[in-house]
N, C-alpha and C. Protein backbone atom coordinates (compact mmCIF):
# COMPACT_ATOMS: atom_id res chain seq x y z
N MET A 1 -12.02 -11.45 -20.79
CA MET A 1 -11.68 -12.22 -19.60
C MET A 1 -10.54 -11.51 -18.86
N THR A 2 -10.58 -11.58 -17.57
CA THR A 2 -9.57 -10.97 -16.73
C THR A 2 -8.36 -11.89 -16.59
N ASP A 3 -7.17 -11.33 -16.63
CA ASP A 3 -5.95 -12.12 -16.45
C ASP A 3 -5.72 -12.38 -14.97
N LEU A 4 -5.26 -13.58 -14.66
CA LEU A 4 -4.92 -13.94 -13.30
C LEU A 4 -3.58 -13.30 -12.94
N VAL A 5 -3.50 -12.71 -11.76
CA VAL A 5 -2.27 -12.09 -11.28
C VAL A 5 -1.85 -12.82 -10.01
N SER A 6 -0.60 -13.21 -9.94
CA SER A 6 -0.07 -13.86 -8.74
C SER A 6 0.52 -12.80 -7.81
N LEU A 7 -0.15 -12.56 -6.69
CA LEU A 7 0.38 -11.61 -5.71
C LEU A 7 1.70 -12.12 -5.15
N THR A 8 1.81 -13.43 -4.98
CA THR A 8 3.05 -14.03 -4.47
C THR A 8 4.23 -13.72 -5.39
N ALA A 9 4.01 -13.79 -6.69
CA ALA A 9 5.08 -13.50 -7.65
C ALA A 9 5.42 -12.02 -7.69
N LEU A 10 4.44 -11.16 -7.42
CA LEU A 10 4.69 -9.72 -7.46
C LEU A 10 5.54 -9.23 -6.29
N VAL A 11 5.52 -9.94 -5.16
CA VAL A 11 6.26 -9.49 -3.98
C VAL A 11 7.74 -9.29 -4.28
N PRO A 12 8.48 -10.31 -4.73
CA PRO A 12 9.91 -10.08 -4.99
C PRO A 12 10.17 -9.10 -6.13
N GLU A 13 9.31 -9.11 -7.13
CA GLU A 13 9.46 -8.19 -8.27
C GLU A 13 9.35 -6.74 -7.82
N GLN A 14 8.33 -6.43 -7.04
CA GLN A 14 8.12 -5.06 -6.59
C GLN A 14 9.14 -4.64 -5.53
N LEU A 15 9.56 -5.58 -4.68
CA LEU A 15 10.60 -5.25 -3.70
C LEU A 15 11.91 -4.91 -4.39
N ALA A 16 12.27 -5.64 -5.42
CA ALA A 16 13.50 -5.35 -6.17
C ALA A 16 13.41 -3.96 -6.79
N ALA A 17 12.26 -3.61 -7.34
CA ALA A 17 12.08 -2.29 -7.94
C ALA A 17 12.17 -1.19 -6.88
N ALA A 18 11.60 -1.43 -5.70
CA ALA A 18 11.65 -0.43 -4.62
C ALA A 18 13.08 -0.23 -4.14
N ARG A 19 13.82 -1.32 -3.99
CA ARG A 19 15.21 -1.23 -3.53
C ARG A 19 16.08 -0.46 -4.52
N ASN A 20 15.74 -0.54 -5.80
CA ASN A 20 16.52 0.14 -6.84
C ASN A 20 16.04 1.56 -7.11
N SER A 21 14.98 1.98 -6.45
CA SER A 21 14.43 3.32 -6.64
C SER A 21 15.03 4.29 -5.63
N SER A 22 15.36 5.50 -6.06
CA SER A 22 15.89 6.50 -5.13
C SER A 22 14.86 6.87 -4.07
N ALA A 23 13.57 6.73 -4.39
CA ALA A 23 12.51 7.02 -3.43
C ALA A 23 12.22 5.84 -2.51
N GLY A 24 12.81 4.67 -2.82
CA GLY A 24 12.60 3.50 -1.98
C GLY A 24 11.22 2.90 -2.10
N ARG A 25 10.56 3.12 -3.24
CA ARG A 25 9.21 2.58 -3.41
C ARG A 25 8.94 2.19 -4.85
N SER A 26 7.95 1.34 -5.00
CA SER A 26 7.49 0.91 -6.31
C SER A 26 6.01 0.58 -6.20
N ALA A 27 5.26 0.80 -7.28
CA ALA A 27 3.83 0.50 -7.26
C ALA A 27 3.38 -0.04 -8.60
N ARG A 28 2.40 -0.92 -8.54
CA ARG A 28 1.78 -1.45 -9.76
C ARG A 28 0.28 -1.56 -9.52
N THR A 29 -0.50 -0.84 -10.30
CA THR A 29 -1.96 -0.93 -10.20
C THR A 29 -2.40 -2.22 -10.88
N LEU A 30 -3.15 -3.03 -10.14
CA LEU A 30 -3.63 -4.31 -10.66
C LEU A 30 -5.02 -4.19 -11.24
N TYR A 31 -5.80 -3.29 -10.66
CA TYR A 31 -7.19 -3.15 -11.10
C TYR A 31 -7.62 -1.71 -10.89
N GLY A 32 -8.43 -1.21 -11.80
CA GLY A 32 -9.03 0.10 -11.63
C GLY A 32 -8.24 1.20 -12.29
N GLY A 33 -8.56 2.41 -11.87
CA GLY A 33 -8.00 3.60 -12.49
C GLY A 33 -9.13 4.40 -13.09
N THR A 34 -8.85 5.11 -14.16
CA THR A 34 -9.85 5.95 -14.81
C THR A 34 -11.10 5.14 -15.16
N GLY A 35 -12.25 5.66 -14.76
CA GLY A 35 -13.51 5.01 -15.07
C GLY A 35 -13.94 3.94 -14.07
N HIS A 36 -13.13 3.71 -13.05
CA HIS A 36 -13.46 2.71 -12.03
C HIS A 36 -13.52 3.37 -10.66
N ALA A 37 -14.44 2.93 -9.82
CA ALA A 37 -14.49 3.43 -8.45
C ALA A 37 -13.43 2.73 -7.60
N LEU A 38 -13.23 1.43 -7.84
CA LEU A 38 -12.27 0.64 -7.07
C LEU A 38 -10.92 0.64 -7.76
N ARG A 39 -9.86 0.87 -6.96
CA ARG A 39 -8.49 0.77 -7.46
C ARG A 39 -7.71 -0.11 -6.49
N GLN A 40 -6.99 -1.09 -7.03
CA GLN A 40 -6.16 -1.96 -6.20
C GLN A 40 -4.73 -1.90 -6.72
N THR A 41 -3.82 -1.57 -5.81
CA THR A 41 -2.42 -1.33 -6.16
C THR A 41 -1.50 -2.11 -5.23
N VAL A 42 -0.52 -2.80 -5.81
CA VAL A 42 0.53 -3.41 -5.02
C VAL A 42 1.61 -2.35 -4.85
N LEU A 43 1.95 -2.07 -3.60
CA LEU A 43 2.91 -1.03 -3.26
C LEU A 43 4.04 -1.65 -2.45
N ALA A 44 5.27 -1.44 -2.89
CA ALA A 44 6.45 -1.93 -2.17
C ALA A 44 7.23 -0.75 -1.63
N LEU A 45 7.69 -0.90 -0.39
CA LEU A 45 8.53 0.11 0.25
C LEU A 45 9.76 -0.58 0.82
N ALA A 46 10.93 -0.06 0.50
CA ALA A 46 12.16 -0.56 1.11
C ALA A 46 12.15 -0.17 2.58
N GLY A 47 12.72 -1.02 3.42
CA GLY A 47 12.75 -0.75 4.85
C GLY A 47 13.30 0.63 5.15
N GLY A 48 12.65 1.34 6.08
CA GLY A 48 13.07 2.67 6.46
C GLY A 48 12.48 3.79 5.62
N HIS A 49 11.76 3.46 4.56
CA HIS A 49 11.13 4.47 3.70
C HIS A 49 9.65 4.60 4.05
N SER A 50 9.07 5.74 3.69
CA SER A 50 7.65 5.96 3.94
C SER A 50 7.04 6.73 2.78
N LEU A 51 5.71 6.77 2.78
CA LEU A 51 5.01 7.55 1.76
C LEU A 51 4.96 9.02 2.14
N GLY A 52 5.17 9.33 3.41
CA GLY A 52 5.00 10.69 3.88
C GLY A 52 3.52 10.95 4.13
N GLU A 53 3.24 11.86 5.01
CA GLU A 53 1.84 12.15 5.35
C GLU A 53 1.11 12.69 4.13
N HIS A 54 -0.09 12.16 3.89
CA HIS A 54 -0.89 12.57 2.73
C HIS A 54 -2.37 12.41 3.05
N GLU A 55 -3.20 13.05 2.23
CA GLU A 55 -4.65 12.98 2.41
C GLU A 55 -5.16 11.59 2.04
N SER A 56 -6.26 11.21 2.64
CA SER A 56 -6.90 9.95 2.30
C SER A 56 -7.50 10.05 0.90
N PRO A 57 -7.23 9.07 0.04
CA PRO A 57 -7.76 9.12 -1.32
C PRO A 57 -9.21 8.65 -1.42
N GLY A 58 -9.76 8.16 -0.34
CA GLY A 58 -11.11 7.59 -0.33
C GLY A 58 -11.15 6.45 0.67
N GLU A 59 -12.26 5.76 0.72
CA GLU A 59 -12.36 4.59 1.59
C GLU A 59 -11.29 3.60 1.17
N ALA A 60 -10.47 3.13 2.12
CA ALA A 60 -9.32 2.32 1.74
C ALA A 60 -8.96 1.29 2.80
N THR A 61 -8.35 0.20 2.32
CA THR A 61 -7.82 -0.83 3.20
C THR A 61 -6.42 -1.21 2.74
N LEU A 62 -5.70 -1.83 3.66
CA LEU A 62 -4.32 -2.22 3.41
C LEU A 62 -4.16 -3.67 3.85
N GLN A 63 -3.65 -4.52 2.98
CA GLN A 63 -3.34 -5.90 3.32
C GLN A 63 -1.85 -6.08 3.14
N VAL A 64 -1.17 -6.54 4.19
CA VAL A 64 0.28 -6.71 4.13
C VAL A 64 0.60 -8.07 3.49
N LEU A 65 1.31 -8.02 2.37
CA LEU A 65 1.70 -9.24 1.66
C LEU A 65 3.06 -9.74 2.12
N ALA A 66 3.92 -8.83 2.57
CA ALA A 66 5.26 -9.19 3.06
C ALA A 66 5.79 -8.05 3.91
N GLY A 67 6.62 -8.39 4.90
CA GLY A 67 7.28 -7.36 5.70
C GLY A 67 6.48 -6.88 6.89
N ARG A 68 6.83 -5.67 7.33
CA ARG A 68 6.19 -5.05 8.50
C ARG A 68 6.07 -3.56 8.24
N VAL A 69 4.85 -3.04 8.42
CA VAL A 69 4.57 -1.62 8.16
C VAL A 69 3.95 -0.96 9.38
N ARG A 70 4.04 0.37 9.40
CA ARG A 70 3.39 1.17 10.44
C ARG A 70 2.51 2.21 9.75
N LEU A 71 1.24 2.21 10.10
CA LEU A 71 0.28 3.19 9.62
C LEU A 71 0.06 4.19 10.74
N SER A 72 0.21 5.48 10.45
CA SER A 72 0.02 6.53 11.45
C SER A 72 -1.04 7.50 10.97
N ALA A 73 -1.95 7.86 11.89
CA ALA A 73 -3.00 8.83 11.56
C ALA A 73 -3.57 9.40 12.85
N GLY A 74 -3.74 10.71 12.88
CA GLY A 74 -4.38 11.35 14.02
C GLY A 74 -3.74 11.05 15.36
N GLY A 75 -2.42 10.92 15.40
CA GLY A 75 -1.72 10.66 16.65
C GLY A 75 -1.74 9.19 17.07
N LYS A 76 -2.35 8.32 16.27
CA LYS A 76 -2.39 6.89 16.57
C LYS A 76 -1.50 6.14 15.59
N LYS A 77 -1.01 4.97 16.02
CA LYS A 77 -0.15 4.16 15.16
C LYS A 77 -0.59 2.70 15.24
N TRP A 78 -0.53 2.04 14.09
CA TRP A 78 -0.84 0.62 14.02
C TRP A 78 0.28 -0.06 13.26
N GLU A 79 0.70 -1.23 13.73
CA GLU A 79 1.70 -2.02 13.02
C GLU A 79 1.05 -3.29 12.52
N ALA A 80 1.48 -3.73 11.34
CA ALA A 80 0.96 -4.96 10.77
C ALA A 80 2.08 -5.70 10.05
N THR A 81 1.98 -7.02 10.09
CA THR A 81 2.95 -7.88 9.41
C THR A 81 2.22 -8.72 8.36
N GLU A 82 2.97 -9.57 7.67
CA GLU A 82 2.41 -10.40 6.60
C GLU A 82 1.10 -11.05 7.02
N GLY A 83 0.08 -10.86 6.20
CA GLY A 83 -1.24 -11.39 6.49
C GLY A 83 -2.13 -10.41 7.22
N GLY A 84 -1.56 -9.31 7.71
CA GLY A 84 -2.33 -8.31 8.45
C GLY A 84 -3.21 -7.48 7.52
N PHE A 85 -4.32 -7.02 8.06
CA PHE A 85 -5.29 -6.23 7.30
C PHE A 85 -5.68 -5.02 8.14
N LEU A 86 -5.60 -3.83 7.55
CA LEU A 86 -5.94 -2.60 8.26
C LEU A 86 -6.85 -1.71 7.43
N PRO A 87 -7.97 -1.25 8.00
CA PRO A 87 -8.71 -0.17 7.34
C PRO A 87 -7.88 1.10 7.50
N ILE A 88 -7.84 1.94 6.48
CA ILE A 88 -7.09 3.19 6.55
C ILE A 88 -8.05 4.30 6.97
N PRO A 89 -7.72 5.02 8.05
CA PRO A 89 -8.61 6.10 8.50
C PRO A 89 -8.81 7.15 7.40
N PRO A 90 -10.00 7.74 7.34
CA PRO A 90 -10.29 8.74 6.29
C PRO A 90 -9.74 10.12 6.63
N THR A 91 -8.49 10.16 7.10
CA THR A 91 -7.82 11.41 7.47
C THR A 91 -6.39 11.37 6.91
N ARG A 92 -5.66 12.46 7.12
CA ARG A 92 -4.25 12.47 6.72
C ARG A 92 -3.55 11.32 7.44
N HIS A 93 -2.67 10.64 6.72
CA HIS A 93 -2.00 9.49 7.30
C HIS A 93 -0.65 9.27 6.61
N ASP A 94 0.14 8.38 7.21
CA ASP A 94 1.45 8.02 6.66
C ASP A 94 1.59 6.51 6.74
N LEU A 95 2.28 5.94 5.79
CA LEU A 95 2.61 4.52 5.81
C LEU A 95 4.13 4.41 5.74
N ALA A 96 4.72 3.71 6.71
CA ALA A 96 6.16 3.53 6.76
C ALA A 96 6.50 2.05 6.78
N ALA A 97 7.57 1.69 6.08
CA ALA A 97 8.05 0.31 6.08
C ALA A 97 9.10 0.16 7.18
N ILE A 98 8.80 -0.65 8.16
CA ILE A 98 9.77 -0.94 9.22
C ILE A 98 10.84 -1.88 8.65
N ASP A 99 10.38 -2.85 7.88
CA ASP A 99 11.25 -3.76 7.12
C ASP A 99 10.86 -3.62 5.65
N ASP A 100 11.63 -4.20 4.74
CA ASP A 100 11.20 -4.25 3.35
C ASP A 100 9.78 -4.82 3.33
N SER A 101 8.86 -4.13 2.67
CA SER A 101 7.44 -4.51 2.76
C SER A 101 6.72 -4.35 1.43
N VAL A 102 5.69 -5.18 1.27
CA VAL A 102 4.79 -5.09 0.12
C VAL A 102 3.37 -5.17 0.65
N VAL A 103 2.52 -4.25 0.19
CA VAL A 103 1.12 -4.23 0.63
C VAL A 103 0.20 -4.17 -0.59
N LEU A 104 -1.03 -4.59 -0.39
CA LEU A 104 -2.07 -4.42 -1.38
C LEU A 104 -2.99 -3.32 -0.87
N LEU A 105 -3.01 -2.20 -1.57
CA LEU A 105 -3.84 -1.05 -1.21
C LEU A 105 -5.10 -1.09 -2.06
N SER A 106 -6.25 -1.10 -1.40
CA SER A 106 -7.54 -1.07 -2.10
C SER A 106 -8.24 0.23 -1.74
N VAL A 107 -8.66 0.99 -2.75
CA VAL A 107 -9.27 2.31 -2.54
C VAL A 107 -10.55 2.42 -3.35
N VAL A 108 -11.60 2.93 -2.71
CA VAL A 108 -12.82 3.29 -3.42
C VAL A 108 -12.79 4.81 -3.52
N ALA A 109 -12.57 5.32 -4.71
CA ALA A 109 -12.37 6.75 -4.94
C ALA A 109 -13.60 7.56 -4.58
N GLY A 110 -13.34 8.77 -4.08
CA GLY A 110 -14.41 9.72 -3.82
C GLY A 110 -15.21 9.48 -2.56
N THR A 111 -14.73 8.59 -1.67
CA THR A 111 -15.47 8.30 -0.45
C THR A 111 -14.74 8.75 0.80
N GLY A 112 -13.56 9.36 0.65
CA GLY A 112 -12.75 9.73 1.80
C GLY A 112 -12.99 11.15 2.26
N ALA A 113 -12.06 11.60 3.13
CA ALA A 113 -12.13 12.94 3.71
C ALA A 113 -11.86 14.00 2.67
């Protein structure tokens, strides 16, 4: 049986970890990994921090659980706040936290650029 995970409870936990990290980020994989096509990860970024531009890991979406983020790809930018949902373009992209933020990243491996 699968354990129930409270996304609401993870928000303050992951934000605290991100604030205490020199990189300004924290992540916890909730589902997937080796042997799974789907991976879902809660990612927290302290305000002003970003992941830096990186390749797309596969078909992916982003759901904002708290805060405000900016997704940049191919010269375009999108901002989203709590409750926002963004498909991630299958190209190099960056995710930046405008405010302290927590997102749920869902990726289907091997389907991206």
